[in-house]
Protein backbone atom coordinates (compact mmCIF):
# COMPACT_ATOMS: atom_id res chain seq x y z
CA MET A 1 13.03 9.60 -4.95
CA LYS A 2 15.92 7.39 -4.95
CA GLU A 3 17.02 6.15 -8.52
CA VAL A 4 16.19 2.51 -9.17
CA SER A 5 17.78 0.06 -11.49
CA VAL A 6 15.56 -1.11 -14.49
CA ARG A 7 16.25 -4.06 -16.63
CA GLU A 8 14.30 -3.73 -19.74
CA THR A 9 12.90 -7.00 -21.31
CA VAL A 10 10.59 -7.46 -24.30
CA TYR A 11 7.74 -8.06 -21.55
CA ASN A 12 8.05 -4.64 -19.64
CA ARG A 13 8.15 -2.06 -22.24
CA PRO A 14 5.19 0.25 -21.20
CA PHE A 15 2.38 1.15 -23.48
CA ILE A 16 1.80 4.35 -21.51
CA TRP A 17 4.27 5.57 -18.75
CA GLN A 18 3.44 6.41 -15.22
CA ARG A 19 -0.19 5.80 -15.33
CA ALA A 20 -1.86 3.40 -12.81
CA ASP A 21 -5.37 1.86 -12.58
CA PRO A 22 -5.66 2.17 -16.45
CA TYR A 23 -9.12 2.06 -17.96
CA ILE A 24 -10.01 2.12 -21.65
CA LEU A 25 -13.43 2.58 -23.12
CA ARG A 26 -14.03 1.70 -26.81
CA CYS A 27 -17.11 3.59 -28.50
CA GLU A 28 -19.39 2.37 -30.97
CA ASP A 29 -17.38 4.12 -33.83
CA GLY A 30 -14.27 2.18 -32.71
CA GLY A 31 -12.57 5.26 -31.12
CA CYS A 32 -11.03 4.80 -27.61
CA TYR A 33 -10.88 6.77 -24.51
CA PHE A 34 -8.18 6.38 -21.78
CA THR A 35 -8.11 7.51 -18.10
CA ALA A 36 -5.98 6.41 -15.19
CA SER A 37 -4.62 7.52 -11.83
CA VAL A 38 -1.63 10.09 -12.21
CA PRO A 39 1.34 9.83 -9.75
CA GLU A 40 0.31 13.00 -8.24
CA TYR A 41 -3.22 11.74 -7.37
CA ASP A 42 -4.42 15.32 -7.80
CA ARG A 43 -6.51 15.39 -11.05
CA ILE A 44 -8.44 13.29 -13.66
CA ILE A 45 -7.16 13.03 -17.10
CA LEU A 46 -8.47 11.81 -20.49
CA ARG A 47 -7.12 10.73 -23.75
CA TYR A 48 -8.95 10.03 -27.08
CA ALA A 49 -7.64 8.37 -30.15
CA ASP A 50 -9.35 6.74 -33.21
CA THR A 51 -7.56 3.57 -32.48
CA LEU A 52 -6.39 1.81 -29.21
CA THR A 53 -2.67 2.20 -30.33
CA GLY A 54 -3.09 5.87 -30.88
CA LEU A 55 -3.75 6.18 -27.20
CA ARG A 56 -0.04 6.00 -26.58
CA ASP A 57 0.87 9.35 -28.06
CA ALA A 58 -2.61 11.00 -27.79
CA GLU A 59 -2.86 14.39 -26.28
CA GLU A 60 -3.78 14.12 -22.58
CA LYS A 61 -6.42 16.69 -21.17
CA THR A 62 -7.11 17.45 -17.54
CA VAL A 63 -10.83 17.42 -17.13
CA TRP A 64 -11.07 17.90 -13.39
CA VAL A 65 -8.68 19.05 -10.52
CA LYS A 66 -8.90 18.15 -6.89
CA HIS A 67 -10.34 20.54 -4.22
CA GLU A 68 -7.94 22.76 -2.14
CA SER A 69 -9.53 21.36 1.09
CA GLY A 70 -12.28 19.05 2.32
CA PRO A 71 -13.65 15.98 0.46
CA GLN A 72 -11.84 15.33 -2.67
CA SER A 73 -8.67 17.14 -1.85
CA ILE A 74 -6.15 14.32 -1.92
CA HIS A 75 -5.70 10.77 -3.23
CA ILE A 76 -7.65 11.22 -6.46
CA TRP A 77 -7.75 7.41 -7.68
CA ALA A 78 -8.85 5.01 -10.23
CA PRO A 79 -11.22 7.07 -12.56
CA GLU A 80 -13.44 5.07 -15.05
CA LEU A 81 -15.31 6.54 -17.90
CA HIS A 82 -18.84 5.17 -18.81
CA ARG A 83 -21.64 6.11 -20.97
CA ILE A 84 -25.08 5.78 -19.41
CA ASP A 85 -28.35 7.00 -20.91
CA GLY A 86 -26.90 9.42 -23.24
CA CYS A 87 -24.23 11.15 -20.82
CA TRP A 88 -20.71 10.49 -19.99
CA TYR A 89 -19.84 9.71 -16.26
CA ILE A 90 -16.57 9.44 -14.50
CA TYR A 91 -16.48 7.31 -11.38
CA TYR A 92 -13.45 7.95 -9.20
CA ALA A 93 -12.32 8.02 -5.62
CA GLY A 94 -11.03 11.01 -3.33
CA GLY A 95 -9.81 11.40 0.18
CA ASP A 96 -9.82 14.54 2.39
CA VAL A 97 -6.47 16.40 3.15
CA ASP A 98 -7.32 16.65 6.73
CA ASP A 99 -8.02 12.84 7.02
CA ILE A 100 -6.29 11.37 3.96
CA TRP A 101 -7.89 7.87 4.23
CA GLU A 102 -11.39 9.33 4.46
CA ILE A 103 -11.87 8.06 0.81
CA ARG A 104 -15.17 7.73 -0.89
CA PRO A 105 -16.53 7.31 -4.49
CA TYR A 106 -17.53 10.43 -6.40
CA VAL A 107 -19.14 10.97 -9.88
CA LEU A 108 -18.70 13.50 -12.62
CA ARG A 109 -20.99 14.02 -15.62
CA CYS A 110 -20.45 15.45 -19.04
CA ALA A 111 -23.49 15.94 -21.36
CA GLY A 112 -21.45 16.81 -24.51
CA ASP A 113 -18.21 15.90 -25.66
CA PRO A 114 -15.85 14.40 -22.87
CA MET A 115 -12.76 16.02 -24.32
CA ARG A 116 -14.12 19.63 -24.93
CA ASP A 117 -17.32 20.18 -22.93
CA PRO A 118 -17.27 20.88 -19.05
CA TRP A 119 -17.62 18.26 -16.44
CA GLU A 120 -20.17 18.51 -13.63
CA GLU A 121 -19.58 17.37 -10.14
CA LEU A 122 -22.41 15.30 -9.03
CA GLY A 123 -21.11 14.65 -5.37
CA PRO A 124 -20.44 11.32 -3.67
CA MET A 125 -22.12 7.97 -4.81
CA LEU A 126 -25.20 7.54 -2.59
CA PRO A 127 -26.36 4.25 -0.89
CA ALA A 128 -29.81 2.84 -1.22
CA ASP A 129 -32.39 4.54 1.00
CA ASP A 130 -32.60 1.28 3.26
CA ASP A 131 -28.89 0.63 3.43
CA PRO A 132 -27.06 2.06 6.40
CA PHE A 133 -23.78 0.51 5.62
CA SER A 134 -22.64 1.34 1.89
CA PHE A 135 -19.80 4.01 1.54
CA ARG A 136 -19.69 4.40 5.40
CA ALA A 137 -15.84 3.71 5.42
CA PHE A 138 -12.92 3.78 3.21
CA SER A 139 -14.53 3.00 -0.21
CA LEU A 140 -12.84 3.05 -3.71
CA ASP A 141 -12.35 1.44 -7.02
CA ALA A 142 -15.93 1.49 -8.24
CA THR A 143 -16.60 0.04 -11.40
CA VAL A 144 -20.19 -0.19 -13.25
CA PHE A 145 -21.64 -2.34 -15.84
CA SER A 146 -25.05 -3.20 -17.44
CA HIS A 147 -26.41 -6.52 -17.30
CA ARG A 148 -30.00 -7.57 -18.75
CA GLY A 149 -31.36 -4.04 -18.55
CA ASP A 150 -29.97 -3.20 -15.04
CA TRP A 151 -26.84 -1.40 -14.03
CA TYR A 152 -24.60 -2.64 -11.26
CA MET A 153 -21.62 -1.28 -9.22
CA VAL A 154 -18.97 -3.34 -7.67
CA TRP A 155 -16.41 -1.57 -5.35
CA ALA A 156 -13.86 -2.04 -2.55
CA GLU A 157 -14.64 -1.14 1.06
CA LYS A 158 -12.64 -1.40 4.17
CA VAL A 159 -14.47 -2.97 7.32
CA GLY A 160 -13.58 -4.17 10.61
CA VAL A 161 -12.15 -2.94 13.99
CA GLY A 162 -8.47 -2.97 14.55
CA ARG A 163 -7.13 -4.68 11.31
CA GLN A 164 -9.33 -3.32 8.61
CA ILE A 165 -9.92 -5.49 5.64
CA SER A 166 -10.73 -4.37 2.12
CA ASN A 167 -13.61 -6.50 0.66
CA LEU A 168 -15.52 -6.27 -2.74
CA TYR A 169 -19.25 -5.43 -2.75
CA ILE A 170 -21.91 -5.43 -5.31
CA ALA A 171 -25.18 -3.52 -5.57
CA ARG A 172 -27.80 -2.81 -8.24
CA MET A 173 -27.90 0.86 -9.31
CA ALA A 174 -31.14 2.95 -9.18
CA SER A 175 -29.39 5.88 -11.12
CA PRO A 176 -25.82 6.77 -12.15
CA THR A 177 -25.46 8.53 -8.71
CA LYS A 178 -27.43 6.26 -6.33
CA LEU A 179 -27.70 2.45 -5.43
CA ALA A 180 -31.15 0.75 -5.50
CA THR A 181 -30.27 -2.13 -3.30
CA VAL A 182 -28.10 -3.00 -0.07
CA GLN A 183 -24.54 -3.99 -0.59
CA VAL A 184 -23.72 -7.72 -0.93
CA LEU A 185 -20.39 -9.12 0.06
CA LEU A 186 -18.67 -10.78 -3.00
CA THR A 187 -15.18 -11.50 -1.69
CA THR A 188 -12.90 -10.96 1.15
CA PRO A 189 -9.25 -11.73 1.41
CA ASP A 190 -9.37 -15.36 2.29
CA TYR A 191 -5.95 -16.74 1.00
CA ASP A 192 -2.36 -16.10 1.79
CA TRP A 193 -1.70 -14.34 -1.75
CA GLU A 194 -4.28 -11.90 -0.65
CA ARG A 195 -2.86 -10.99 2.59
CA GLY A 196 0.31 -9.03 2.98
CA GLU A 197 0.92 -6.19 5.26
CA PHE A 198 -2.66 -5.19 4.36
CA TRP A 199 -5.48 -7.74 3.54
CA VAL A 200 -6.78 -6.53 0.29
CA ASN A 201 -9.35 -7.18 -2.49
CA GLU A 202 -9.85 -4.10 -4.72
CA GLY A 203 -9.78 -2.95 -8.31
CA PRO A 204 -12.76 -5.09 -9.81
CA ALA A 205 -13.23 -5.46 -13.68
CA LEU A 206 -15.80 -7.30 -15.50
CA LEU A 207 -15.30 -9.65 -18.53
CA ARG A 208 -18.14 -11.61 -20.34
CA HIS A 209 -17.50 -14.77 -22.22
CA ASP A 210 -19.34 -17.80 -23.52
CA GLY A 211 -22.25 -17.51 -21.07
CA LYS A 212 -20.19 -16.52 -18.07
CA LEU A 213 -19.26 -13.28 -16.09
CA PHE A 214 -15.67 -13.05 -15.02
CA LEU A 215 -14.76 -10.42 -12.26
CA THR A 216 -11.14 -10.00 -11.93
CA PHE A 217 -9.83 -8.22 -8.80
CA SER A 218 -6.25 -7.04 -7.23
CA ALA A 219 -5.20 -8.38 -4.03
CA ASN A 220 -2.42 -7.78 -1.40
CA THR A 221 -0.34 -4.46 -1.02
CA THR A 222 0.64 -2.32 -4.13
CA GLY A 223 4.14 -3.51 -4.26
CA GLU A 224 5.71 -6.82 -5.49
CA LEU A 225 2.94 -8.90 -4.07
CA TYR A 226 0.11 -7.18 -5.89
CA CYS A 227 -1.66 -9.77 -8.15
CA MET A 228 -4.98 -10.53 -9.76
CA GLY A 229 -7.64 -12.96 -8.58
CA MET A 230 -10.94 -13.75 -10.14
CA LEU A 231 -14.52 -14.64 -9.44
CA TRP A 232 -17.01 -16.14 -11.91
CA CYS A 233 -20.72 -16.86 -12.21
CA ASP A 234 -23.17 -17.83 -15.06
CA GLU A 235 -24.70 -14.92 -16.98
CA ASP A 236 -28.20 -16.21 -16.09
CA ALA A 237 -27.72 -16.30 -12.36
CA GLU A 238 -28.73 -13.67 -9.83
CA LEU A 239 -25.70 -11.42 -9.46
CA LEU A 240 -26.79 -10.26 -6.12
CA ASP A 241 -26.69 -13.74 -4.56
CA PRO A 242 -23.16 -14.35 -3.46
CA ALA A 243 -23.63 -18.11 -3.51
CA ASN A 244 -23.77 -17.73 -7.47
CA TRP A 245 -20.14 -16.59 -7.45
CA THR A 246 -17.12 -18.78 -7.29
CA LYS A 247 -13.76 -17.50 -6.34
CA LEU A 248 -10.63 -19.23 -7.71
CA ARG A 249 -8.31 -20.54 -5.12
CA HIS A 250 -5.13 -19.23 -6.73
CA PRO A 251 -4.25 -15.88 -8.44
CA VAL A 252 -4.71 -15.66 -12.26
CA PHE A 253 -1.82 -13.24 -12.89
CA ARG A 254 1.25 -12.28 -10.66
CA SER A 255 4.85 -10.91 -10.74
CA ASP A 256 7.34 -12.59 -12.88
CA ASP A 257 10.90 -11.93 -11.90
CA GLU A 258 12.52 -13.38 -15.13
CA LYS A 259 10.47 -11.12 -17.31
CA GLU A 260 10.80 -8.23 -14.85
CA VAL A 261 7.14 -7.46 -14.58
CA HIS A 262 6.18 -6.61 -10.92
CA GLY A 263 3.05 -6.06 -9.03
CA PRO A 264 0.57 -6.50 -12.09
CA GLY A 265 -2.98 -5.55 -11.24
CA HIS A 266 -6.03 -3.18 -11.24
CA ASN A 267 -6.82 -3.94 -14.78
CA SER A 268 -9.68 -3.27 -17.21
CA PHE A 269 -10.94 -5.06 -20.31
CA VAL A 270 -11.52 -3.60 -23.95
CA LYS A 271 -12.14 -5.23 -27.30
CA ALA A 272 -9.13 -5.12 -29.80
CA GLU A 273 -9.59 -3.60 -33.27
CA ASP A 274 -11.08 -6.84 -34.61
CA GLY A 275 -14.02 -6.33 -32.18
CA VAL A 276 -13.70 -10.06 -30.96
CA THR A 277 -10.36 -10.37 -29.15
CA ASP A 278 -10.38 -9.31 -25.42
CA LEU A 279 -7.50 -7.30 -24.17
CA CYS A 280 -6.57 -6.92 -20.48
CA VAL A 281 -5.18 -3.46 -19.77
CA TYR A 282 -3.22 -3.36 -16.53
CA HIS A 283 -0.37 -1.55 -14.57
CA ALA A 284 2.95 -3.07 -13.48
CA ARG A 285 6.33 -1.93 -12.52
CA GLN A 286 9.62 -2.83 -14.20
CA TYR A 287 11.43 -3.46 -10.75
CA ASP A 288 10.60 -4.92 -7.43
CA LYS A 289 12.87 -3.02 -5.02
CA MET A 290 11.18 0.24 -3.95
CA VAL A 291 12.10 2.81 -1.42
CA GLY A 292 9.39 3.80 1.01
CA ASN A 293 5.66 3.22 0.45
CA PRO A 294 5.11 1.52 -2.84
CA LEU A 295 1.84 3.56 -2.95
CA TYR A 296 3.86 6.61 -3.80
CA ASP A 297 6.33 5.09 -6.28
CA PRO A 298 5.27 6.76 -9.52
CA ASN A 299 6.41 4.11 -11.88
CA ARG A 300 3.38 1.97 -12.28
CA HIS A 301 3.00 1.84 -16.07
CA VAL A 302 0.27 0.64 -18.56
CA TYR A 303 0.55 -2.72 -20.33
CA ILE A 304 -1.83 -4.64 -22.66
CA MET A 305 -2.17 -8.33 -23.11
CA PRO A 306 -4.62 -10.39 -25.25
CA VAL A 307 -6.78 -12.76 -23.28
CA THR A 308 -6.97 -16.32 -24.33
CA PHE A 309 -9.68 -18.83 -23.02
CA ASP A 310 -8.99 -22.50 -21.92
CA GLN A 311 -11.11 -25.46 -22.87
CA ASN A 312 -13.47 -24.68 -20.18
CA GLY A 313 -13.98 -21.10 -21.44
CA PHE A 314 -12.05 -19.51 -18.57
CA PRO A 315 -9.69 -16.53 -19.30
CA GLU A 316 -5.96 -17.10 -19.19
CA PHE A 317 -3.49 -14.17 -18.31
CA ARG A 318 0.05 -14.62 -19.61
CA HIS A 319 3.08 -12.34 -19.65
CA LEU A 320 3.64 -11.75 -23.28
CA PRO A 321 6.03 -9.66 -25.34
CA GLN A 322 4.67 -5.95 -25.55
CA GLU A 323 3.71 -5.07 -29.19
CA TRP A 324 1.34 -2.25 -28.51
């Protein structure tokens, strides 16, 4: 790959280098797990540390490697680690080397220690029995969360004939590997900032605050135009009714040329050490000029910012000096 020029600022010093789609899970004892997409898109990694800042230099372990052929043999993307009913699950996407965009969500399970014990393949995420549509096309970036005793999945899926469009869908889960309800459309790329060479909504992440659920997502192509949008709904609302979700008209976080933070997105949320402050964990680049397809540029790095809230209780995302 051709060398690129980087101007370092106090805003673009990575927390972790060359890891995209970052996900951090804090455990009840305060310890933290980290996973992300690696530039080779060929494996799933985990790190563990007693503190969030310890993840920077924590040992990284490969817990699963792509298949040599067939499904899950290329484009291993956006893993997330979750604890459900006493077991550990990793949700991730994978393609087929013979049809590289035949990408679907898959599930791994570990019944013991995620860093030491084996991970079992559970196969693809399954749609509800009465749903002929979920996961029938390019599907990825699945996130799951619990709400009022139920588990939900939100994911990106491409639809359409000719120009395919990546939308976000939600469904209630019957189990960690199967949906209970048909998919419901949450958002499609409506606005100019969501529409570049490709029209994209992807990378959902859930944040709870003051009686509201906020769902951030990433939009546009994976280069300089990549940015974050947001939906919200009341926590008492029916989550599977799209009328209860409101999409903000403008992106909530985007590139900043002066600070040299480019293409920020595909974030997750985690609590700080104080157990109160919400942190946004995201990836971005230190430059905007790339050679070739930005999807294969390896220099998407991990950054962390504290989330503040405005007078209406809505999250605010700002480029801040990196002190992590």
